[in-house]
Amino acid sequence: MSTTIPVRIRRQLDEAEGYLMLEMPEKALRILEGRSDWPLMAFEANFLKGEALRSLDRHREALACLEIAAALRPDDVAVALAQGWCYKRTNRLAQAVDALERALRHDPDNALIHYNLACYWSLAGNAPKALAGLAAALKLRPEMRRMIADEGDFDPIRGDSAFDRLARGAAPSK
């Protein structure tokens, strides 16, 4: 088999990705489920299918595809973020943390990873790690502060004086 990707396969994946960008995951899924094999494009097909299923709140099904994608490209940050999202929503918080810790090793300056890790650590009851992650996220992207008030994942640490200072934008006490 040739190592070049057939144009038709690339077009189908581009079309599925386009539907995802347009927030039409059902159409993307229809394309992705239309073939059983994606020669030389298994990572892309599994990642896109995982994203489509995630968009449809079918998190367990999404994880099956995302785990294949992660096995093919263990360093891919987008896959790890998507896995974390799905693990959290399937009550697998430890795996959500592991996925984002893996992503953080590859992209330590990604504020979204720090923020989501802070959320997961908060839910896990680890206030020191939640606060450290939130502080890192806010240092990288201070505008994320406005998301804190509506973030239910931080409910377990609301009222903690260090959390309150971070949420207000006050300097942490030493």
N, C-alpha and C. Protein backbone atom coordinates (compact mmCIF):
# COMPACT_ATOMS: atom_id res chain seq x y z
N MET A 1 0.84 -1.17 0.00
CA MET A 1 0.00 0.00 0.00
C MET A 1 0.89 1.24 0.00
N SER A 2 0.52 2.21 -0.75
CA SER A 2 1.27 3.46 -0.82
C SER A 2 1.21 4.17 0.53
N THR A 3 2.28 4.91 0.84
CA THR A 3 2.29 5.65 2.10
C THR A 3 1.64 7.02 1.95
N THR A 4 1.20 7.37 0.76
CA THR A 4 0.50 8.64 0.62
C THR A 4 -0.96 8.43 1.00
N ILE A 5 -1.52 9.45 1.56
CA ILE A 5 -2.91 9.37 2.02
C ILE A 5 -3.82 9.66 0.83
N PRO A 6 -4.71 8.73 0.54
CA PRO A 6 -5.62 8.98 -0.58
C PRO A 6 -6.40 10.28 -0.35
N VAL A 7 -6.56 11.03 -1.42
CA VAL A 7 -7.22 12.32 -1.35
C VAL A 7 -8.63 12.20 -0.78
N ARG A 8 -9.35 11.17 -1.15
CA ARG A 8 -10.72 11.00 -0.67
C ARG A 8 -10.77 10.86 0.86
N ILE A 9 -9.84 10.11 1.42
CA ILE A 9 -9.81 9.91 2.87
C ILE A 9 -9.51 11.25 3.56
N ARG A 10 -8.52 11.97 3.06
CA ARG A 10 -8.17 13.27 3.65
C ARG A 10 -9.37 14.22 3.57
N ARG A 11 -10.07 14.22 2.45
CA ARG A 11 -11.24 15.09 2.31
C ARG A 11 -12.34 14.73 3.30
N GLN A 12 -12.55 13.44 3.52
CA GLN A 12 -13.58 13.02 4.47
C GLN A 12 -13.23 13.49 5.89
N LEU A 13 -11.98 13.35 6.26
CA LEU A 13 -11.55 13.81 7.59
C LEU A 13 -11.67 15.33 7.70
N ASP A 14 -11.29 16.05 6.64
CA ASP A 14 -11.43 17.51 6.64
C ASP A 14 -12.89 17.91 6.77
N GLU A 15 -13.76 17.18 6.09
CA GLU A 15 -15.19 17.47 6.16
C GLU A 15 -15.72 17.23 7.59
N ALA A 16 -15.33 16.10 8.18
CA ALA A 16 -15.75 15.80 9.55
C ALA A 16 -15.24 16.88 10.52
N GLU A 17 -13.99 17.29 10.35
CA GLU A 17 -13.44 18.33 11.20
C GLU A 17 -14.19 19.65 11.01
N GLY A 18 -14.55 19.94 9.79
CA GLY A 18 -15.32 21.15 9.51
C GLY A 18 -16.67 21.13 10.21
N TYR A 19 -17.33 19.99 10.18
CA TYR A 19 -18.61 19.89 10.88
C TYR A 19 -18.44 20.08 12.39
N LEU A 20 -17.35 19.56 12.93
CA LEU A 20 -17.09 19.77 14.37
C LEU A 20 -16.89 21.26 14.66
N MET A 21 -16.15 21.94 13.79
CA MET A 21 -15.92 23.37 13.98
C MET A 21 -17.22 24.16 13.89
N LEU A 22 -18.15 23.67 13.11
CA LEU A 22 -19.46 24.32 12.98
C LEU A 22 -20.44 23.86 14.05
N GLU A 23 -19.94 23.07 15.00
CA GLU A 23 -20.75 22.53 16.09
C GLU A 23 -21.90 21.66 15.57
N MET A 24 -21.54 20.81 14.63
CA MET A 24 -22.48 19.85 14.05
C MET A 24 -21.90 18.44 14.22
N PRO A 25 -21.76 17.98 15.48
CA PRO A 25 -21.08 16.71 15.72
C PRO A 25 -21.81 15.51 15.12
N GLU A 26 -23.13 15.57 14.99
CA GLU A 26 -23.86 14.43 14.41
C GLU A 26 -23.41 14.18 12.97
N LYS A 27 -23.25 15.26 12.20
CA LYS A 27 -22.80 15.11 10.81
C LYS A 27 -21.36 14.60 10.76
N ALA A 28 -20.52 15.10 11.65
CA ALA A 28 -19.14 14.62 11.71
C ALA A 28 -19.11 13.13 12.02
N LEU A 29 -19.92 12.73 12.98
CA LEU A 29 -19.96 11.32 13.39
C LEU A 29 -20.44 10.43 12.24
N ARG A 30 -21.41 10.91 11.51
CA ARG A 30 -21.92 10.14 10.37
C ARG A 30 -20.79 9.86 9.37
N ILE A 31 -19.96 10.84 9.10
CA ILE A 31 -18.83 10.66 8.18
C ILE A 31 -17.82 9.69 8.78
N LEU A 32 -17.49 9.89 10.04
CA LEU A 32 -16.46 9.07 10.68
C LEU A 32 -16.89 7.63 10.86
N GLU A 33 -18.17 7.41 11.05
CA GLU A 33 -18.67 6.04 11.18
C GLU A 33 -18.98 5.41 9.82
N GLY A 34 -18.81 6.18 8.76
CA GLY A 34 -19.09 5.70 7.41
C GLY A 34 -18.04 4.75 6.86
N ARG A 35 -16.91 4.71 7.49
CA ARG A 35 -15.88 3.75 7.07
C ARG A 35 -15.32 3.06 8.30
N SER A 36 -14.96 1.82 8.11
CA SER A 36 -14.44 1.04 9.23
C SER A 36 -12.93 1.18 9.36
N ASP A 37 -12.28 1.63 8.30
CA ASP A 37 -10.82 1.70 8.30
C ASP A 37 -10.39 3.06 7.77
N TRP A 38 -9.39 3.64 8.41
CA TRP A 38 -8.84 4.93 7.99
C TRP A 38 -7.35 4.73 7.76
N PRO A 39 -6.97 4.19 6.61
CA PRO A 39 -5.55 3.90 6.35
C PRO A 39 -4.67 5.13 6.56
N LEU A 40 -3.64 4.95 7.35
CA LEU A 40 -2.64 5.97 7.63
C LEU A 40 -3.19 7.20 8.37
N MET A 41 -4.46 7.16 8.75
CA MET A 41 -5.08 8.30 9.42
C MET A 41 -5.84 7.86 10.68
N ALA A 42 -5.39 6.79 11.30
CA ALA A 42 -6.10 6.25 12.46
C ALA A 42 -6.13 7.25 13.61
N PHE A 43 -5.02 7.96 13.83
CA PHE A 43 -5.01 8.95 14.91
C PHE A 43 -6.08 10.01 14.66
N GLU A 44 -6.03 10.62 13.49
CA GLU A 44 -6.96 11.70 13.17
C GLU A 44 -8.41 11.25 13.26
N ALA A 45 -8.70 10.08 12.71
CA ALA A 45 -10.08 9.57 12.71
C ALA A 45 -10.56 9.31 14.14
N ASN A 46 -9.72 8.69 14.95
CA ASN A 46 -10.13 8.39 16.34
C ASN A 46 -10.26 9.66 17.18
N PHE A 47 -9.35 10.61 16.98
CA PHE A 47 -9.45 11.85 17.73
C PHE A 47 -10.73 12.60 17.34
N LEU A 48 -10.98 12.74 16.05
CA LEU A 48 -12.19 13.45 15.61
C LEU A 48 -13.46 12.75 16.06
N LYS A 49 -13.47 11.43 15.99
CA LYS A 49 -14.65 10.69 16.46
C LYS A 49 -14.83 10.88 17.97
N GLY A 50 -13.73 10.84 18.70
CA GLY A 50 -13.80 11.09 20.14
C GLY A 50 -14.35 12.48 20.44
N GLU A 51 -13.91 13.46 19.69
CA GLU A 51 -14.40 14.83 19.88
C GLU A 51 -15.88 14.95 19.53
N ALA A 52 -16.30 14.28 18.47
CA ALA A 52 -17.72 14.31 18.10
C ALA A 52 -18.57 13.68 19.20
N LEU A 53 -18.15 12.54 19.68
CA LEU A 53 -18.89 11.86 20.75
C LEU A 53 -18.88 12.68 22.04
N ARG A 54 -17.77 13.31 22.34
CA ARG A 54 -17.68 14.17 23.52
C ARG A 54 -18.66 15.33 23.40
N SER A 55 -18.75 15.91 22.21
CA SER A 55 -19.69 17.02 21.98
C SER A 55 -21.14 16.59 22.16
N LEU A 56 -21.39 15.31 21.96
CA LEU A 56 -22.74 14.78 22.12
C LEU A 56 -22.98 14.22 23.53
N ASP A 57 -22.05 14.48 24.43
CA ASP A 57 -22.12 13.99 25.82
C ASP A 57 -22.14 12.47 25.90
N ARG A 58 -21.52 11.82 24.95
CA ARG A 58 -21.38 10.37 24.96
C ARG A 58 -19.94 10.05 25.40
N HIS A 59 -19.65 10.40 26.65
CA HIS A 59 -18.29 10.41 27.15
C HIS A 59 -17.63 9.04 27.20
N ARG A 60 -18.36 8.02 27.58
CA ARG A 60 -17.75 6.67 27.63
C ARG A 60 -17.35 6.21 26.24
N GLU A 61 -18.21 6.43 25.27
CA GLU A 61 -17.88 6.06 23.89
C GLU A 61 -16.70 6.90 23.38
N ALA A 62 -16.69 8.18 23.74
CA ALA A 62 -15.61 9.06 23.31
C ALA A 62 -14.27 8.56 23.84
N LEU A 63 -14.27 8.09 25.09
CA LEU A 63 -13.03 7.62 25.69
C LEU A 63 -12.41 6.45 24.92
N ALA A 64 -13.22 5.57 24.39
CA ALA A 64 -12.68 4.45 23.62
C ALA A 64 -11.86 4.96 22.44
N CYS A 65 -12.39 5.94 21.74
CA CYS A 65 -11.67 6.52 20.59
C CYS A 65 -10.46 7.34 21.04
N LEU A 66 -10.63 8.11 22.10
CA LEU A 66 -9.54 8.95 22.58
C LEU A 66 -8.39 8.11 23.14
N GLU A 67 -8.69 6.97 23.72
CA GLU A 67 -7.63 6.10 24.22
C GLU A 67 -6.81 5.52 23.08
N ILE A 68 -7.46 5.22 21.96
CA ILE A 68 -6.72 4.76 20.77
C ILE A 68 -5.83 5.89 20.26
N ALA A 69 -6.40 7.09 20.16
CA ALA A 69 -5.62 8.25 19.69
C ALA A 69 -4.43 8.50 20.62
N ALA A 70 -4.64 8.41 21.94
CA ALA A 70 -3.56 8.63 22.89
C ALA A 70 -2.47 7.57 22.76
N ALA A 71 -2.86 6.35 22.46
CA ALA A 71 -1.86 5.29 22.27
C ALA A 71 -1.02 5.56 21.02
N LEU A 72 -1.65 6.15 20.01
CA LEU A 72 -0.93 6.45 18.77
C LEU A 72 -0.03 7.68 18.90
N ARG A 73 -0.48 8.66 19.71
CA ARG A 73 0.30 9.88 19.93
C ARG A 73 0.21 10.28 21.41
N PRO A 74 1.02 9.64 22.24
CA PRO A 74 0.94 9.88 23.68
C PRO A 74 1.25 11.31 24.11
N ASP A 75 1.95 12.06 23.27
CA ASP A 75 2.33 13.43 23.63
C ASP A 75 1.31 14.48 23.18
N ASP A 76 0.21 14.07 22.58
CA ASP A 76 -0.74 15.03 22.04
C ASP A 76 -1.57 15.66 23.16
N VAL A 77 -1.41 16.95 23.34
CA VAL A 77 -2.06 17.68 24.42
C VAL A 77 -3.58 17.75 24.22
N ALA A 78 -4.03 17.94 22.99
CA ALA A 78 -5.48 18.03 22.73
C ALA A 78 -6.18 16.74 23.10
N VAL A 79 -5.55 15.62 22.84
CA VAL A 79 -6.13 14.32 23.20
C VAL A 79 -6.20 14.20 24.72
N ALA A 80 -5.13 14.57 25.40
CA ALA A 80 -5.11 14.47 26.86
C ALA A 80 -6.18 15.36 27.49
N LEU A 81 -6.35 16.57 26.97
CA LEU A 81 -7.41 17.45 27.47
C LEU A 81 -8.79 16.84 27.27
N ALA A 82 -9.02 16.30 26.09
CA ALA A 82 -10.32 15.66 25.81
C ALA A 82 -10.53 14.45 26.72
N GLN A 83 -9.48 13.68 26.93
CA GLN A 83 -9.60 12.54 27.85
C GLN A 83 -9.95 13.02 29.25
N GLY A 84 -9.26 14.04 29.72
CA GLY A 84 -9.54 14.56 31.06
C GLY A 84 -10.99 14.97 31.19
N TRP A 85 -11.50 15.66 30.20
CA TRP A 85 -12.90 16.11 30.18
C TRP A 85 -13.83 14.90 30.32
N CYS A 86 -13.58 13.88 29.53
CA CYS A 86 -14.45 12.69 29.53
C CYS A 86 -14.29 11.86 30.81
N TYR A 87 -13.06 11.71 31.28
CA TYR A 87 -12.85 10.94 32.51
C TYR A 87 -13.60 11.60 33.67
N LYS A 88 -13.52 12.92 33.75
CA LYS A 88 -14.22 13.62 34.83
C LYS A 88 -15.72 13.33 34.76
N ARG A 89 -16.26 13.36 33.57
CA ARG A 89 -17.71 13.21 33.40
C ARG A 89 -18.18 11.75 33.47
N THR A 90 -17.22 10.84 33.60
CA THR A 90 -17.57 9.43 33.83
C THR A 90 -17.11 8.99 35.22
N ASN A 91 -16.95 9.97 36.09
CA ASN A 91 -16.57 9.72 37.49
C ASN A 91 -15.25 8.96 37.64
N ARG A 92 -14.29 9.30 36.81
CA ARG A 92 -12.96 8.72 36.88
C ARG A 92 -11.95 9.85 37.10
N LEU A 93 -12.11 10.51 38.22
CA LEU A 93 -11.35 11.72 38.51
C LEU A 93 -9.84 11.48 38.53
N ALA A 94 -9.40 10.38 39.09
CA ALA A 94 -7.96 10.10 39.14
C ALA A 94 -7.38 10.01 37.72
N GLN A 95 -8.13 9.40 36.81
CA GLN A 95 -7.65 9.30 35.43
C GLN A 95 -7.69 10.67 34.74
N ALA A 96 -8.67 11.50 35.10
CA ALA A 96 -8.73 12.86 34.55
C ALA A 96 -7.49 13.64 34.96
N VAL A 97 -7.12 13.52 36.24
CA VAL A 97 -5.92 14.19 36.73
C VAL A 97 -4.69 13.65 36.01
N ASP A 98 -4.59 12.34 35.87
CA ASP A 98 -3.43 11.74 35.18
C ASP A 98 -3.31 12.26 33.75
N ALA A 99 -4.43 12.34 33.04
CA ALA A 99 -4.41 12.80 31.65
C ALA A 99 -3.90 14.24 31.57
N LEU A 100 -4.37 15.09 32.49
CA LEU A 100 -3.94 16.48 32.43
C LEU A 100 -2.52 16.67 32.95
N GLU A 101 -2.10 15.85 33.89
CA GLU A 101 -0.69 15.90 34.32
C GLU A 101 0.22 15.53 33.14
N ARG A 102 -0.20 14.55 32.37
CA ARG A 102 0.56 14.16 31.17
C ARG A 102 0.61 15.34 30.18
N ALA A 103 -0.51 15.99 29.97
CA ALA A 103 -0.56 17.13 29.05
C ALA A 103 0.35 18.25 29.55
N LEU A 104 0.34 18.49 30.85
CA LEU A 104 1.13 19.56 31.43
C LEU A 104 2.63 19.34 31.24
N ARG A 105 3.06 18.08 31.27
CA ARG A 105 4.47 17.78 31.03
C ARG A 105 4.90 18.21 29.62
N HIS A 106 3.96 18.17 28.68
CA HIS A 106 4.28 18.52 27.29
C HIS A 106 3.99 19.98 26.96
N ASP A 107 3.17 20.63 27.78
CA ASP A 107 2.81 22.02 27.51
C ASP A 107 2.63 22.76 28.84
N PRO A 108 3.74 23.01 29.54
CA PRO A 108 3.65 23.59 30.88
C PRO A 108 3.14 25.03 30.93
N ASP A 109 3.09 25.70 29.80
CA ASP A 109 2.62 27.08 29.77
C ASP A 109 1.18 27.19 29.26
N ASN A 110 0.44 26.10 29.30
CA ASN A 110 -0.95 26.10 28.84
C ASN A 110 -1.87 26.38 30.03
N ALA A 111 -2.43 27.58 30.04
CA ALA A 111 -3.29 28.01 31.15
C ALA A 111 -4.52 27.13 31.30
N LEU A 112 -5.07 26.67 30.20
CA LEU A 112 -6.28 25.83 30.26
C LEU A 112 -6.00 24.52 30.99
N ILE A 113 -4.84 23.95 30.75
CA ILE A 113 -4.48 22.71 31.46
C ILE A 113 -4.38 22.98 32.95
N HIS A 114 -3.68 24.05 33.33
CA HIS A 114 -3.56 24.39 34.75
C HIS A 114 -4.94 24.63 35.38
N TYR A 115 -5.80 25.35 34.67
CA TYR A 115 -7.13 25.67 35.20
C TYR A 115 -7.96 24.40 35.40
N ASN A 116 -7.97 23.53 34.39
CA ASN A 116 -8.75 22.30 34.52
C ASN A 116 -8.18 21.39 35.59
N LEU A 117 -6.86 21.33 35.70
CA LEU A 117 -6.26 20.54 36.78
C LEU A 117 -6.67 21.11 38.14
N ALA A 118 -6.70 22.42 38.25
CA ALA A 118 -7.14 23.04 39.50
C ALA A 118 -8.57 22.61 39.83
N CYS A 119 -9.42 22.58 38.82
CA CYS A 119 -10.81 22.13 39.02
C CYS A 119 -10.84 20.69 39.52
N TYR A 120 -10.06 19.83 38.88
CA TYR A 120 -10.09 18.41 39.23
C TYR A 120 -9.51 18.18 40.62
N TRP A 121 -8.43 18.92 40.95
CA TRP A 121 -7.86 18.78 42.29
C TRP A 121 -8.83 19.29 43.35
N SER A 122 -9.56 20.34 43.03
CA SER A 122 -10.58 20.84 43.96
C SER A 122 -11.62 19.76 44.22
N LEU A 123 -12.11 19.15 43.15
CA LEU A 123 -13.11 18.09 43.30
C LEU A 123 -12.57 16.90 44.08
N ALA A 124 -11.27 16.66 43.93
CA ALA A 124 -10.63 15.54 44.63
C ALA A 124 -10.34 15.88 46.09
N GLY A 125 -10.58 17.12 46.49
CA GLY A 125 -10.35 17.51 47.87
C GLY A 125 -8.92 17.89 48.20
N ASN A 126 -8.12 18.15 47.18
CA ASN A 126 -6.72 18.53 47.40
C ASN A 126 -6.58 20.04 47.17
N ALA A 127 -6.91 20.80 48.20
CA ALA A 127 -6.89 22.27 48.09
C ALA A 127 -5.51 22.82 47.72
N PRO A 128 -4.41 22.34 48.32
CA PRO A 128 -3.11 22.91 47.95
C PRO A 128 -2.79 22.77 46.45
N LYS A 129 -3.07 21.60 45.89
CA LYS A 129 -2.80 21.42 44.47
C LYS A 129 -3.78 22.22 43.61
N ALA A 130 -5.03 22.31 44.05
CA ALA A 130 -6.01 23.11 43.32
C ALA A 130 -5.58 24.58 43.30
N LEU A 131 -5.15 25.09 44.44
CA LEU A 131 -4.73 26.49 44.52
C LEU A 131 -3.47 26.75 43.70
N ALA A 132 -2.53 25.81 43.72
CA ALA A 132 -1.31 25.98 42.94
C ALA A 132 -1.64 25.99 41.44
N GLY A 133 -2.53 25.08 41.02
CA GLY A 133 -2.92 25.04 39.61
C GLY A 133 -3.66 26.29 39.18
N LEU A 134 -4.56 26.76 40.04
CA LEU A 134 -5.31 27.98 39.72
C LEU A 134 -4.38 29.18 39.66
N ALA A 135 -3.45 29.27 40.60
CA ALA A 135 -2.48 30.38 40.58
C ALA A 135 -1.66 30.36 39.30
N ALA A 136 -1.23 29.18 38.87
CA ALA A 136 -0.45 29.06 37.63
C ALA A 136 -1.29 29.49 36.43
N ALA A 137 -2.55 29.06 36.38
CA ALA A 137 -3.42 29.42 35.27
C ALA A 137 -3.61 30.93 35.21
N LEU A 138 -3.85 31.54 36.36
CA LEU A 138 -4.11 32.98 36.40
C LEU A 138 -2.85 33.79 36.10
N LYS A 139 -1.70 33.25 36.45
CA LYS A 139 -0.44 33.94 36.10
C LYS A 139 -0.27 33.96 34.58
N LEU A 140 -0.64 32.86 33.94
CA LEU A 140 -0.50 32.77 32.48
C LEU A 140 -1.61 33.54 31.75
N ARG A 141 -2.82 33.49 32.29
CA ARG A 141 -3.96 34.16 31.65
C ARG A 141 -4.86 34.77 32.72
N PRO A 142 -4.52 35.96 33.16
CA PRO A 142 -5.30 36.60 34.23
C PRO A 142 -6.78 36.74 33.92
N GLU A 143 -7.14 36.81 32.65
CA GLU A 143 -8.55 36.95 32.28
C GLU A 143 -9.38 35.72 32.64
N MET A 144 -8.75 34.63 32.96
CA MET A 144 -9.48 33.43 33.39
C MET A 144 -10.15 33.64 34.75
N ARG A 145 -9.71 34.66 35.48
CA ARG A 145 -10.27 34.94 36.80
C ARG A 145 -11.79 35.10 36.73
N ARG A 146 -12.29 35.67 35.65
CA ARG A 146 -13.74 35.90 35.56
C ARG A 146 -14.54 34.60 35.43
N MET A 147 -13.87 33.49 35.15
CA MET A 147 -14.56 32.20 35.03
C MET A 147 -14.79 31.55 36.40
N ILE A 148 -14.04 31.98 37.39
CA ILE A 148 -14.03 31.31 38.69
C ILE A 148 -15.39 31.34 39.38
N ALA A 149 -16.06 32.48 39.34
CA ALA A 149 -17.32 32.63 40.08
C ALA A 149 -18.38 31.61 39.66
N ASP A 150 -18.40 31.27 38.37
CA ASP A 150 -19.41 30.33 37.87
C ASP A 150 -18.94 28.89 37.81
N GLU A 151 -17.72 28.63 38.25
CA GLU A 151 -17.13 27.29 38.15
C GLU A 151 -17.50 26.46 39.37
N GLY A 152 -18.46 25.57 39.20
CA GLY A 152 -18.91 24.70 40.28
C GLY A 152 -17.84 23.76 40.80
N ASP A 153 -16.85 23.46 39.98
CA ASP A 153 -15.78 22.56 40.43
C ASP A 153 -14.99 23.15 41.60
N PHE A 154 -15.05 24.47 41.76
CA PHE A 154 -14.33 25.09 42.87
C PHE A 154 -15.15 25.18 44.14
N ASP A 155 -16.39 24.71 44.12
CA ASP A 155 -17.22 24.78 45.33
C ASP A 155 -16.56 24.14 46.55
N PRO A 156 -15.85 23.02 46.41
CA PRO A 156 -15.23 22.42 47.60
C PRO A 156 -14.19 23.31 48.28
N ILE A 157 -13.62 24.28 47.54
CA ILE A 157 -12.59 25.11 48.18
C ILE A 157 -13.04 26.58 48.34
N ARG A 158 -14.26 26.87 47.96
CA ARG A 158 -14.76 28.24 48.20
C ARG A 158 -14.78 28.47 49.70
N GLY A 159 -14.44 29.65 50.08
CA GLY A 159 -14.36 29.95 51.51
C GLY A 159 -12.94 29.79 52.05
N ASP A 160 -12.10 29.05 51.36
CA ASP A 160 -10.69 28.96 51.73
C ASP A 160 -10.08 30.34 51.48
N SER A 161 -9.40 30.90 52.46
CA SER A 161 -8.90 32.27 52.33
C SER A 161 -7.94 32.44 51.14
N ALA A 162 -7.10 31.44 50.89
CA ALA A 162 -6.18 31.53 49.75
C ALA A 162 -6.95 31.50 48.43
N PHE A 163 -7.99 30.68 48.37
CA PHE A 163 -8.82 30.65 47.17
C PHE A 163 -9.51 31.99 46.97
N ASP A 164 -10.08 32.51 48.02
CA ASP A 164 -10.78 33.79 47.92
C ASP A 164 -9.86 34.90 47.44
N ARG A 165 -8.62 34.92 47.94
CA ARG A 165 -7.65 35.92 47.48
C ARG A 165 -7.37 35.75 45.99
N LEU A 166 -7.18 34.51 45.55
CA LEU A 166 -6.93 34.27 44.13
C LEU A 166 -8.12 34.72 43.28
N ALA A 167 -9.30 34.37 43.72
CA ALA A 167 -10.51 34.69 42.97
C ALA A 167 -10.70 36.21 42.86
N ARG A 168 -10.33 36.93 43.90
CA ARG A 168 -10.46 38.40 43.89
C ARG A 168 -9.32 39.07 43.15
N GLY A 169 -8.22 38.39 43.01
CA GLY A 169 -7.07 38.97 42.36
C GLY A 169 -6.10 39.61 43.33
N ALA A 170 -6.30 39.35 44.60
CA ALA A 170 -5.40 39.88 45.62
C ALA A 170 -4.13 39.03 45.66
N ALA A 171 -3.06 39.63 46.07
CA ALA A 171 -1.79 38.89 46.18
C ALA A 171 -1.92 37.85 47.29
N PRO A 172 -1.41 36.64 47.04
CA PRO A 172 -1.48 35.60 48.09
C PRO A 172 -0.61 35.98 49.28
N SER A 173 -1.08 35.60 50.46
CA SER A 173 -0.26 35.88 51.65
C SER A 173 0.80 34.79 51.77
N LYS A 174 1.87 35.16 52.41
CA LYS A 174 2.99 34.22 52.53
C LYS A 174 2.92 33.48 53.82
